[in-house]
Every structure is written in structure tokens, then in C-alpha cells.
Amino acid sequence: MRRDIWIFLFFLGSILFGWPFLRIFHRSLTYYLFITWFVFIGLLFLASLLSDRGDGGN
């Protein structure tokens, strides 16, 4: 399960910070980047907490 979380977060980051979404939110790009980056860092933190557990996050 640990590997699945990291692969999912990698593809989520690739999608959220790719040009289609940046183009969609070009008028409020600053807000989009700050909010998305903040949420993405929170998800990375939660994933790291889950992967540090002894049972593998299950």
C-alpha cells in the first residue's frame, strides 16, 4: 500500500501542476498555485506518516 500512495501522489501532482490546469486557472493562477501546493504538501505529509507506521499503513 505504501508504494501505491506514492505513485498516486506523483500522478496527482503531475496532473495538478501540468499545463491544462494551469491554463484553466490562468486568471487566478497565484491563488491556484498556493492552495494546490499547500494541499499537496499536506497529502505528502499524511502519506509519510502512514508509511512510517510499523504495519505499512494498513
Protein backbone atom coordinates (compact mmCIF):
# COMPACT_ATOMS: atom_id res chain seq x y z
CA MET A 1 0.00 0.00 0.00
CA ARG A 2 2.89 2.37 0.66
CA ARG A 3 4.05 2.28 -2.93
CA ASP A 4 0.52 2.83 -4.23
CA ILE A 5 0.16 6.05 -2.24
CA TRP A 6 3.42 7.48 -3.59
CA ILE A 7 2.58 6.56 -7.19
CA PHE A 8 -0.87 8.12 -6.81
CA LEU A 9 0.60 11.33 -5.37
CA PHE A 10 3.15 11.53 -8.17
CA PHE A 11 0.48 11.32 -10.85
CA LEU A 12 -1.80 13.69 -8.95
CA GLY A 13 0.99 16.26 -8.78
CA SER A 14 1.76 15.78 -12.46
CA ILE A 15 -1.86 16.41 -13.34
CA LEU A 16 -2.46 19.35 -10.98
CA PHE A 17 0.72 21.19 -11.96
CA GLY A 18 0.51 20.37 -15.67
CA TRP A 19 -0.32 22.90 -18.35
CA PRO A 20 -4.04 22.06 -18.78
CA PHE A 21 -4.91 23.02 -15.21
CA LEU A 22 -2.55 25.97 -15.23
CA ARG A 23 -4.24 27.17 -18.41
CA ILE A 24 -7.72 26.72 -16.92
CA PHE A 25 -6.83 28.78 -13.84
CA HIS A 26 -4.68 31.36 -15.60
CA ARG A 27 -6.74 34.29 -14.29
CA SER A 28 -6.27 33.29 -10.66
CA LEU A 29 -3.02 31.39 -11.09
CA THR A 30 -1.41 32.71 -7.91
CA TYR A 31 -4.30 31.52 -5.73
CA TYR A 32 -4.47 28.19 -7.53
CA LEU A 33 -0.75 27.52 -7.09
CA PHE A 34 -0.66 28.45 -3.40
CA ILE A 35 -3.79 26.48 -2.49
CA THR A 36 -2.82 23.45 -4.57
CA TRP A 37 0.74 23.46 -3.27
CA PHE A 38 -0.49 23.72 0.34
CA VAL A 39 -2.94 20.81 -0.09
CA PHE A 40 -0.34 18.74 -1.93
CA ILE A 41 2.22 19.22 0.86
CA GLY A 42 -0.44 18.16 3.37
CA LEU A 43 -1.12 14.99 1.38
CA LEU A 44 2.60 14.24 1.21
CA PHE A 45 2.83 14.69 4.97
CA LEU A 46 -0.07 12.31 5.58
CA ALA A 47 1.42 9.75 3.21
CA SER A 48 4.75 9.93 5.00
CA LEU A 49 3.03 9.40 8.35
CA LEU A 50 1.19 6.37 7.01
CA SER A 51 4.32 4.88 5.52
CA ASP A 52 6.28 5.32 8.78
CA ARG A 53 3.87 3.14 10.71
CA GLY A 54 5.05 -0.35 11.52
CA ASP A 55 2.12 -2.11 9.86
CA GLY A 56 2.68 -0.42 6.49
CA GLY A 57 -0.25 1.93 6.82
CA ASN A 58 -2.91 -0.79 6.68
